[in-house]
PDB file of N, CA and C in Angstrom:
ATOM      1  N   MET A   1      28.980  98.047  58.254  1.00  0.00           N
ATOM      2  CA  MET A   1      27.826  96.875  57.265  1.00  0.00           C
ATOM      3  C   MET A   1      27.312  95.998  58.902  1.00  0.00           C
ATOM      4  N   LEU A   2      26.048  95.592  58.793  1.00  0.00           N
ATOM      5  CA  LEU A   2      26.023  94.635  59.963  1.00  0.00           C
ATOM      6  C   LEU A   2      26.362  92.925  59.725  1.00  0.00           C
ATOM      7  N   MET A   3      26.606  92.796  58.962  1.00  0.00           N
ATOM      8  CA  MET A   3      26.861  91.635  58.340  1.00  0.00           C
ATOM      9  C   MET A   3      28.304  91.199  58.819  1.00  0.00           C
ATOM     10  N   HIS A   4      29.155  92.309  58.396  1.00  0.00           N
ATOM     11  CA  HIS A   4      30.679  92.092  58.619  1.00  0.00           C
ATOM     12  C   HIS A   4      30.455  92.528  60.236  1.00  0.00           C
ATOM     13  N   HIS A   5      29.851  93.000  60.903  1.00  0.00           N
ATOM     14  CA  HIS A   5      30.506  92.812  62.431  1.00  0.00           C
ATOM     15  C   HIS A   5      30.367  91.850  63.071  1.00  0.00           C
ATOM     16  N   GLU A   6      28.969  90.927  62.401  1.00  0.00           N
ATOM     17  CA  GLU A   6      28.793  89.618  62.578  1.00  0.00           C
ATOM     18  C   GLU A   6      28.508  88.774  61.694  1.00  0.00           C
ATOM     19  N   PRO A   7      28.986  88.235  61.310  1.00  0.00           N
ATOM     20  CA  PRO A   7      29.267  86.830  59.827  1.00  0.00           C
ATOM     21  C   PRO A   7      28.342  85.759  60.121  1.00  0.00           C
ATOM     22  N   GLY A   8      28.846  85.534  61.578  1.00  0.00           N
ATOM     23  CA  GLY A   8      28.461  84.311  61.609  1.00  0.00           C
ATOM     24  C   GLY A   8      27.464  83.828  62.595  1.00  0.00           C
ATOM     25  N   LYS A   9      25.544  84.891  62.918  1.00  0.00           N
ATOM     26  CA  LYS A   9      24.669  84.827  62.831  1.00  0.00           C
ATOM     27  C   LYS A   9      23.631  84.259  61.968  1.00  0.00           C
ATOM     28  N   ASP A  10      23.234  83.867  62.081  1.00  0.00           N
ATOM     29  CA  ASP A  10      21.799  83.562  61.541  1.00  0.00           C
ATOM     30  C   ASP A  10      20.948  84.848  60.852  1.00  0.00           C
ATOM     31  N   TRP A  11      21.804  85.362  59.681  1.00  0.00           N
ATOM     32  CA  TRP A  11      20.651  86.346  59.239  1.00  0.00           C
ATOM     33  C   TRP A  11      19.899  85.578  58.150  1.00  0.00           C
ATOM     34  N   THR A  12      19.471  86.708  58.475  1.00  0.00           N
ATOM     35  CA  THR A  12      17.239  86.537  57.332  1.00  0.00           C
ATOM     36  C   THR A  12      17.274  87.402  56.355  1.00  0.00           C
ATOM     37  N   LEU A  13      17.065  88.210  56.254  1.00  0.00           N
ATOM     38  CA  LEU A  13      16.257  89.529  55.438  1.00  0.00           C
ATOM     39  C   LEU A  13      15.608  89.931  55.889  1.00  0.00           C
ATOM     40  N   GLU A  14      14.456  89.140  56.727  1.00  0.00           N
ATOM     41  CA  GLU A  14      13.495  89.545  57.413  1.00  0.00           C
ATOM     42  C   GLU A  14      14.214  91.083  58.817  1.00  0.00           C
ATOM     43  N   GLU A  15      14.766  89.987  59.119  1.00  0.00           N
ATOM     44  CA  GLU A  15      16.625  90.654  60.215  1.00  0.00           C
ATOM     45  C   GLU A  15      17.077  92.325  59.683  1.00  0.00           C
ATOM     46  N   ILE A  16      18.041  91.626  59.208  1.00  0.00           N
ATOM     47  CA  ILE A  16      18.586  92.376  58.128  1.00  0.00           C
ATOM     48  C   ILE A  16      17.734  94.092  57.878  1.00  0.00           C
ATOM     49  N   GLY A  17      16.829  93.047  56.977  1.00  0.00           N
ATOM     50  CA  GLY A  17      15.692  94.878  56.521  1.00  0.00           C
ATOM     51  C   GLY A  17      15.114  95.158  57.875  1.00  0.00           C
ATOM     52  N   ARG A  18      14.853  95.220  58.579  1.00  0.00           N
ATOM     53  CA  ARG A  18      14.534  95.421  60.164  1.00  0.00           C
ATOM     54  C   ARG A  18      15.457  96.478  60.644  1.00  0.00           C
ATOM     55  N   GLN A  19      16.707  95.776  60.502  1.00  0.00           N
ATOM     56  CA  GLN A  19      17.619  96.447  61.412  1.00  0.00           C
ATOM     57  C   GLN A  19      18.105  97.551  60.656  1.00  0.00           C
ATOM     58  N   VAL A  20      17.817  98.092  59.685  1.00  0.00           N
ATOM     59  CA  VAL A  20      18.052  98.758  58.820  1.00  0.00           C
ATOM     60  C   VAL A  20      16.963 100.101  58.459  1.00  0.00           C
ATOM     61  N   GLY A  21      15.829  99.576  58.345  1.00  0.00           N
ATOM     62  CA  GLY A  21      14.531 100.017  58.609  1.00  0.00           C
ATOM     63  C   GLY A  21      13.856 100.156  56.644  1.00  0.00           C
ATOM     64  N   MET A  22      14.183  99.072  56.312  1.00  0.00           N
ATOM     65  CA  MET A  22      13.689  98.185  55.021  1.00  0.00           C
ATOM     66  C   MET A  22      13.223  97.467  54.791  1.00  0.00           C
ATOM     67  N   SER A  23      12.161  97.622  53.687  1.00  0.00           N
ATOM     68  CA  SER A  23      11.410  96.538  53.525  1.00  0.00           C
ATOM     69  C   SER A  23      12.363  95.453  52.847  1.00  0.00           C
ATOM     70  N   LYS A  24      11.976  94.000  52.984  1.00  0.00           N
ATOM     71  CA  LYS A  24      13.171  92.795  52.071  1.00  0.00           C
ATOM     72  C   LYS A  24      13.183  92.896  50.598  1.00  0.00           C
ATOM     73  N   ALA A  25      11.900  93.963  49.831  1.00  0.00           N
ATOM     74  CA  ALA A  25      12.296  93.548  48.036  1.00  0.00           C
ATOM     75  C   ALA A  25      13.219  95.212  48.169  1.00  0.00           C
ATOM     76  N   THR A  26      12.897  95.707  48.714  1.00  0.00           N
ATOM     77  CA  THR A  26      13.697  97.598  49.438  1.00  0.00           C
ATOM     78  C   THR A  26      15.016  97.412  48.967  1.00  0.00           C
ATOM     79  N   LEU A  27      15.248  96.577  50.544  1.00  0.00           N
ATOM     80  CA  LEU A  27      17.067  96.024  50.733  1.00  0.00           C
ATOM     81  C   LEU A  27      17.493  95.029  49.493  1.00  0.00           C
ATOM     82  N   VAL A  28      17.003  94.051  48.958  1.00  0.00           N
ATOM     83  CA  VAL A  28      17.804  93.249  47.356  1.00  0.00           C
ATOM     84  C   VAL A  28      17.839  94.072  46.816  1.00  0.00           C
ATOM     85  N   ARG A  29      15.912  95.269  46.009  1.00  0.00           N
ATOM     86  CA  ARG A  29      17.043  96.154  44.892  1.00  0.00           C
ATOM     87  C   ARG A  29      18.305  96.789  45.384  1.00  0.00           C
ATOM     88  N   HIS A  30      18.013  97.280  46.659  1.00  0.00           N
ATOM     89  CA  HIS A  30      19.454  98.559  46.763  1.00  0.00           C
ATOM     90  C   HIS A  30      21.058  97.355  47.406  1.00  0.00           C
ATOM     91  N   PHE A  31      21.162  96.078  47.546  1.00  0.00           N
ATOM     92  CA  PHE A  31      21.780  95.496  47.502  1.00  0.00           C
ATOM     93  C   PHE A  31      23.334  94.939  45.691  1.00  0.00           C
ATOM     94  N   GLN A  32      20.996  94.904  45.011  1.00  0.00           N
ATOM     95  CA  GLN A  32      21.235  94.441  43.941  1.00  0.00           C
ATOM     96  C   GLN A  32      22.068  95.336  42.899  1.00  0.00           C
ATOM     97  N   ASP A  33      21.514  97.037  43.119  1.00  0.00           N
ATOM     98  CA  ASP A  33      22.111  98.056  42.194  1.00  0.00           C
ATOM     99  C   ASP A  33      23.784  98.577  42.940  1.00  0.00           C
ATOM    100  N   ALA A  34      23.936  98.443  43.919  1.00  0.00           N
ATOM    101  CA  ALA A  34      24.431  98.396  45.036  1.00  0.00           C
ATOM    102  C   ALA A  34      26.356  97.630  44.577  1.00  0.00           C
ATOM    103  N   LEU A  35      25.502  96.630  44.762  1.00  0.00           N
ATOM    104  CA  LEU A  35      26.451  95.124  44.409  1.00  0.00           C
ATOM    105  C   LEU A  35      26.286  93.957  43.434  1.00  0.00           C
ATOM    106  N   GLY A  36      25.078  94.206  42.683  1.00  0.00           N
ATOM    107  CA  GLY A  36      25.380  93.230  42.110  1.00  0.00           C
ATOM    108  C   GLY A  36      24.630  91.741  41.935  1.00  0.00           C
ATOM    109  N   MET A  37      24.481  91.569  43.417  1.00  0.00           N
ATOM    110  CA  MET A  37      24.329  90.222  44.142  1.00  0.00           C
ATOM    111  C   MET A  37      22.683  90.536  44.983  1.00  0.00           C
ATOM    112  N   ALA A  38      22.441  89.243  45.266  1.00  0.00           N
ATOM    113  CA  ALA A  38      21.416  89.465  46.966  1.00  0.00           C
ATOM    114  C   ALA A  38      21.841  89.472  48.203  1.00  0.00           C
ATOM    115  N   PRO A  39      21.194  90.104  49.324  1.00  0.00           N
ATOM    116  CA  PRO A  39      21.856  90.436  50.243  1.00  0.00           C
ATOM    117  C   PRO A  39      22.069  88.931  51.070  1.00  0.00           C
ATOM    118  N   ILE A  40      22.147  87.757  50.851  1.00  0.00           N
ATOM    119  CA  ILE A  40      22.320  86.284  51.259  1.00  0.00           C
ATOM    120  C   ILE A  40      23.348  85.800  50.475  1.00  0.00           C
ATOM    121  N   ALA A  41      23.370  86.153  48.976  1.00  0.00           N
ATOM    122  CA  ALA A  41      24.540  86.243  48.389  1.00  0.00           C
ATOM    123  C   ALA A  41      25.934  86.375  48.717  1.00  0.00           C
ATOM    124  N   TYR A  42      25.521  88.122  49.023  1.00  0.00           N
ATOM    125  CA  TYR A  42      26.941  88.952  49.404  1.00  0.00           C
ATOM    126  C   TYR A  42      27.323  87.907  50.960  1.00  0.00           C
ATOM    127  N   LEU A  43      26.799  87.622  51.484  1.00  0.00           N
ATOM    128  CA  LEU A  43      26.718  87.429  53.118  1.00  0.00           C
ATOM    129  C   LEU A  43      27.158  86.179  52.910  1.00  0.00           C
ATOM    130  N   SER A  44      27.232  84.948  52.025  1.00  0.00           N
ATOM    131  CA  SER A  44      27.823  83.831  51.616  1.00  0.00           C
ATOM    132  C   SER A  44      29.525  84.056  51.281  1.00  0.00           C
ATOM    133  N   HIS A  45      28.958  85.085  49.942  1.00  0.00           N
ATOM    134  CA  HIS A  45      30.738  85.309  49.524  1.00  0.00           C
ATOM    135  C   HIS A  45      31.727  85.756  50.713  1.00  0.00           C
ATOM    136  N   TRP A  46      31.306  86.566  51.711  1.00  0.00           N
ATOM    137  CA  TRP A  46      31.753  87.660  53.172  1.00  0.00           C
ATOM    138  C   TRP A  46      32.555  86.424  53.772  1.00  0.00           C
ATOM    139  N   ARG A  47      31.472  85.453  53.934  1.00  0.00           N
ATOM    140  CA  ARG A  47      31.945  84.237  55.079  1.00  0.00           C
ATOM    141  C   ARG A  47      33.094  83.750  54.558  1.00  0.00           C
ATOM    142  N   ARG A  48      32.869  83.128  53.150  1.00  0.00           N
ATOM    143  CA  ARG A  48      34.199  82.457  52.455  1.00  0.00           C
ATOM    144  C   ARG A  48      35.326  83.439  52.434  1.00  0.00           C
ATOM    145  N   LEU A  49      35.366  84.692  52.543  1.00  0.00           N
ATOM    146  CA  LEU A  49      36.160  85.517  51.959  1.00  0.00           C
ATOM    147  C   LEU A  49      36.999  85.339  53.428  1.00  0.00           C
ATOM    148  N   LYS A  50      36.323  85.772  54.886  1.00  0.00           N
ATOM    149  CA  LYS A  50      36.496  86.089  55.918  1.00  0.00           C
ATOM    150  C   LYS A  50      37.436  84.514  55.893  1.00  0.00           C
ATOM    151  N   ALA A  51      36.962  83.534  55.882  1.00  0.00           N
ATOM    152  CA  ALA A  51      37.407  81.588  55.580  1.00  0.00           C
ATOM    153  C   ALA A  51      38.710  81.928  55.177  1.00  0.00           C
ATOM    154  N   TYR A  52      38.777  82.031  53.975  1.00  0.00           N
ATOM    155  CA  TYR A  52      39.968  82.197  53.366  1.00  0.00           C
ATOM    156  C   TYR A  52      40.883  82.470  54.130  1.00  0.00           C
ATOM    157  N   ASN A  53      40.602  84.127  54.685  1.00  0.00           N
ATOM    158  CA  ASN A  53      42.051  84.496  55.320  1.00  0.00           C
ATOM    159  C   ASN A  53      42.009  84.416  56.810  1.00  0.00           C
ATOM    160  N   ALA A  54      41.494  83.432  57.341  1.00  0.00           N
ATOM    161  CA  ALA A  54      41.467  82.653  58.476  1.00  0.00           C
ATOM    162  C   ALA A  54      42.532  82.222  58.814  1.00  0.00           C
ATOM    163  N   LEU A  55      42.193  81.023  57.214  1.00  0.00           N
ATOM    164  CA  LEU A  55      42.969  79.406  57.590  1.00  0.00           C
ATOM    165  C   LEU A  55      44.607  79.905  56.760  1.00  0.00           C
ATOM    166  N   ARG A  56      44.679  80.830  55.866  1.00  0.00           N
ATOM    167  CA  ARG A  56      46.003  81.779  55.648  1.00  0.00           C
ATOM    168  C   ARG A  56      46.710  82.726  56.719  1.00  0.00           C
ATOM    169  N   TYR A  57      46.559  83.024  56.794  1.00  0.00           N
ATOM    170  CA  TYR A  57      46.824  84.083  58.229  1.00  0.00           C
ATOM    171  C   TYR A  57      46.737  83.860  59.880  1.00  0.00           C
ATOM    172  N   THR A  58      46.072  82.613  60.026  1.00  0.00           N
ATOM    173  CA  THR A  58      45.911  81.774  61.168  1.00  0.00           C
ATOM    174  C   THR A  58      46.145  80.237  61.908  1.00  0.00           C
ATOM    175  N   LYS A  59      46.379  80.097  62.445  1.00  0.00           N
ATOM    176  CA  LYS A  59      46.733  78.567  62.675  1.00  0.00           C
ATOM    177  C   LYS A  59      45.261  78.150  63.783  1.00  0.00           C
ATOM    178  N   ASP A  60      44.657  78.635  63.371  1.00  0.00           N
ATOM    179  CA  ASP A  60      42.726  78.134  63.998  1.00  0.00           C
ATOM    180  C   ASP A  60      42.507  76.109  62.817  1.00  0.00           C
ATOM    181  N   PRO A  61      41.832  75.772  63.902  1.00  0.00           N
ATOM    182  CA  PRO A  61      41.316  74.148  63.100  1.00  0.00           C
ATOM    183  C   PRO A  61      40.058  75.151  62.442  1.00  0.00           C
ATOM    184  N   ILE A  62      40.111  73.909  61.727  1.00  0.00           N
ATOM    185  CA  ILE A  62      39.317  74.696  60.473  1.00  0.00           C
ATOM    186  C   ILE A  62      37.374  74.429  60.958  1.00  0.00           C
ATOM    187  N   ASP A  63      37.148  73.667  62.289  1.00  0.00           N
ATOM    188  CA  ASP A  63      36.153  73.412  62.705  1.00  0.00           C
ATOM    189  C   ASP A  63      35.631  75.031  63.155  1.00  0.00           C
ATOM    190  N   LYS A  64      36.550  75.244  63.939  1.00  0.00           N
ATOM    191  CA  LYS A  64      36.546  76.863  64.708  1.00  0.00           C
ATOM    192  C   LYS A  64      36.207  78.057  63.663  1.00  0.00           C
ATOM    193  N   ILE A  65      36.995  77.857  62.870  1.00  0.00           N
ATOM    194  CA  ILE A  65      36.539  79.109  61.703  1.00  0.00           C
ATOM    195  C   ILE A  65      35.010  78.742  61.603  1.00  0.00           C
ATOM    196  N   ALA A  66      35.240  77.385  60.365  1.00  0.00           N
ATOM    197  CA  ALA A  66      33.861  77.237  59.831  1.00  0.00           C
ATOM    198  C   ALA A  66      32.128  77.766  61.627  1.00  0.00           C
ATOM    199  N   LEU A  67      32.736  77.477  62.542  1.00  0.00           N
ATOM    200  CA  LEU A  67      31.650  77.547  63.371  1.00  0.00           C
ATOM    201  C   LEU A  67      31.432  79.751  63.860  1.00  0.00           C
ATOM    202  N   SER A  68      32.837  79.906  63.525  1.00  0.00           N
ATOM    203  CA  SER A  68      32.758  81.293  63.626  1.00  0.00           C
ATOM    204  C   SER A  68      31.975  82.012  62.547  1.00  0.00           C
ATOM    205  N   LEU A  69      31.637  81.676  61.472  1.00  0.00           N
ATOM    206  CA  LEU A  69      31.263  82.370  60.299  1.00  0.00           C
ATOM    207  C   LEU A  69      30.377  81.336  60.431  1.00  0.00           C
ATOM    208  N   GLY A  70      29.171  80.888  60.884  1.00  0.00           N
ATOM    209  CA  GLY A  70      28.651  80.472  60.704  1.00  0.00           C
ATOM    210  C   GLY A  70      27.977  78.967  59.842  1.00  0.00           C
ATOM    211  N   PHE A  71      28.815  78.295  59.637  1.00  0.00           N
ATOM    212  CA  PHE A  71      29.155  77.104  58.375  1.00  0.00           C
ATOM    213  C   PHE A  71      28.717  76.022  59.579  1.00  0.00           C
ATOM    214  N   THR A  72      28.181  75.090  59.390  1.00  0.00           N
ATOM    215  CA  THR A  72      27.656  73.936  60.206  1.00  0.00           C
ATOM    216  C   THR A  72      29.292  73.483  60.965  1.00  0.00           C
ATOM    217  N   SER A  73      29.843  73.129  59.325  1.00  0.00           N
ATOM    218  CA  SER A  73      30.956  72.645  60.316  1.00  0.00           C
ATOM    219  C   SER A  73      32.126  73.083  59.040  1.00  0.00           C
ATOM    220  N   GLY A  74      33.581  72.222  59.566  1.00  0.00           N
ATOM    221  CA  GLY A  74      34.774  72.124  58.025  1.00  0.00           C
ATOM    222  C   GLY A  74      34.258  71.650  57.239  1.00  0.00           C
ATOM    223  N   ARG A  75      33.578  70.629  57.271  1.00  0.00           N
ATOM    224  CA  ARG A  75      33.048  69.573  56.259  1.00  0.00           C
ATOM    225  C   ARG A  75      32.885  71.265  55.041  1.00  0.00           C
ATOM    226  N   THR A  76      31.079  71.347  55.797  1.00  0.00           N
ATOM    227  CA  THR A  76      30.403  72.646  54.986  1.00  0.00           C
ATOM    228  C   THR A  76      31.207  73.901  53.924  1.00  0.00           C
ATOM    229  N   LEU A  77      31.805  73.894  54.870  1.00  0.00           N
ATOM    230  CA  LEU A  77      32.843  75.040  54.870  1.00  0.00           C
ATOM    231  C   LEU A  77      34.322  74.681  53.440  1.00  0.00           C
ATOM    232  N   SER A  78      34.334  73.436  53.892  1.00  0.00           N
ATOM    233  CA  SER A  78      35.229  73.178  52.970  1.00  0.00           C
ATOM    234  C   SER A  78      34.967  72.878  51.143  1.00  0.00           C
ATOM    235  N   ARG A  79      33.599  72.568  51.613  1.00  0.00           N
ATOM    236  CA  ARG A  79      33.214  72.491  50.170  1.00  0.00           C
ATOM    237  C   ARG A  79      32.378  73.748  49.343  1.00  0.00           C
ATOM    238  N   ALA A  80      32.053  74.892  50.519  1.00  0.00           N
ATOM    239  CA  ALA A  80      31.459  75.667  50.232  1.00  0.00           C
ATOM    240  C   ALA A  80      32.858  76.160  49.745  1.00  0.00           C
ATOM    241  N   LEU A  81      34.839  76.415  49.668  1.00  0.00           N
ATOM    242  CA  LEU A  81      35.538  77.043  49.720  1.00  0.00           C
ATOM    243  C   LEU A  81      36.593  75.979  47.564  1.00  0.00           C
ATOM    244  N   VAL A  82      35.850  74.956  48.033  1.00  0.00           N
ATOM    245  CA  VAL A  82      36.464  74.212  46.606  1.00  0.00           C
ATOM    246  C   VAL A  82      35.637  74.819  45.550  1.00  0.00           C
ATOM    247  N   ARG A  83      33.736  75.092  45.659  1.00  0.00           N
ATOM    248  CA  ARG A  83      33.224  74.999  45.172  1.00  0.00           C
ATOM    249  C   ARG A  83      33.544  76.731  44.663  1.00  0.00           C
ATOM    250  N   GLU A  84      33.598  77.607  45.924  1.00  0.00           N
ATOM    251  CA  GLU A  84      34.055  79.272  44.700  1.00  0.00           C
ATOM    252  C   GLU A  84      35.188  79.511  44.573  1.00  0.00           C
ATOM    253  N   LEU A  85      36.439  78.418  44.599  1.00  0.00           N
ATOM    254  CA  LEU A  85      37.404  79.445  45.071  1.00  0.00           C
ATOM    255  C   LEU A  85      38.656  77.678  43.921  1.00  0.00           C
ATOM    256  N   GLY A  86      38.043  76.606  44.093  1.00  0.00           N
ATOM    257  CA  GLY A  86      38.495  75.779  43.712  1.00  0.00           C
ATOM    258  C   GLY A  86      40.180  75.183  44.754  1.00  0.00           C
ATOM    259  N   MET A  87      40.108  75.632  46.165  1.00  0.00           N
ATOM    260  CA  MET A  87      41.027  75.199  46.714  1.00  0.00           C
ATOM    261  C   MET A  87      40.804  74.546  47.456  1.00  0.00           C
ATOM    262  N   THR A  88      40.729  73.597  48.612  1.00  0.00           N
ATOM    263  CA  THR A  88      40.754  73.364  49.844  1.00  0.00           C
ATOM    264  C   THR A  88      41.476  73.716  50.457  1.00  0.00           C
ATOM    265  N   PRO A  89      41.016  74.387  51.860  1.00  0.00           N
ATOM    266  CA  PRO A  89      41.724  74.250  52.918  1.00  0.00           C
ATOM    267  C   PRO A  89      43.106  74.328  52.913  1.00  0.00           C
ATOM    268  N   THR A  90      43.870  72.505  53.077  1.00  0.00           N
ATOM    269  CA  THR A  90      44.869  72.565  53.339  1.00  0.00           C
ATOM    270  C   THR A  90      45.257  73.512  51.907  1.00  0.00           C
ATOM    271  N   GLU A  91      44.933  73.120  50.765  1.00  0.00           N
ATOM    272  CA  GLU A  91      45.960  73.923  50.037  1.00  0.00           C
ATOM    273  C   GLU A  91      45.740  75.937  50.083  1.00  0.00           C
ATOM    274  N   ILE A  92      44.405  76.523  50.039  1.00  0.00           N
ATOM    275  CA  ILE A  92      44.748  77.440  50.906  1.00  0.00           C
ATOM    276  C   ILE A  92      46.214  77.559  52.282  1.00  0.00           C
ATOM    277  N   ARG A  93      45.644  77.219  53.003  1.00  0.00           N
ATOM    278  CA  ARG A  93      47.224  77.031  54.263  1.00  0.00           C
ATOM    279  C   ARG A  93      48.635  76.966  53.448  1.00  0.00           C
ATOM    280  N   ALA A  94      48.560  75.861  52.361  1.00  0.00           N
ATOM    281  CA  ALA A  94      50.184  75.676  52.180  1.00  0.00           C
ATOM    282  C   ALA A  94      50.447  77.010  50.555  1.00  0.00           C
ATOM    283  N   HIS A  95      50.069  77.958  50.734  1.00  0.00           N
ATOM    284  CA  HIS A  95      49.667  78.437  49.868  1.00  0.00           C
ATOM    285  C   HIS A  95      50.067  79.352  49.835  1.00  0.00           C
ATOM    286  N   ASP A  96      51.399  80.079  49.394  1.00  0.00           N
ATOM    287  CA  ASP A  96      52.790  80.742  49.713  1.00  0.00           C
ATOM    288  C   ASP A  96      53.946  80.601  50.401  1.00  0.00           C
ATOM    289  N   GLU A  97      53.898  79.067  51.353  1.00  0.00           N
ATOM    290  CA  GLU A  97      54.469  78.206  52.048  1.00  0.00           C
ATOM    291  C   GLU A  97      55.907  78.574  51.762  1.00  0.00           C
TER     292      GLU A  97
END
């Protein structure tokens, strides 16, 4: 999947649709049917999952992880993780230690 290979890219519905040969409406409908969410919501979820794994299994600084995944800063990533998981990056890193 395109977004999996380049999660940090500034994806738009137009760009994804163009690359897979679908209109925006068709793309959204297929995503909704297959995954139960819109493409951009899926991309956000995928980025947070990648960030979680990077925090758990690497020593990379949060700003580096954030920028590589399309977040504007480590602070933005931190807020997104707290919103979705209820855990700060520090708590994620300390998990299972």
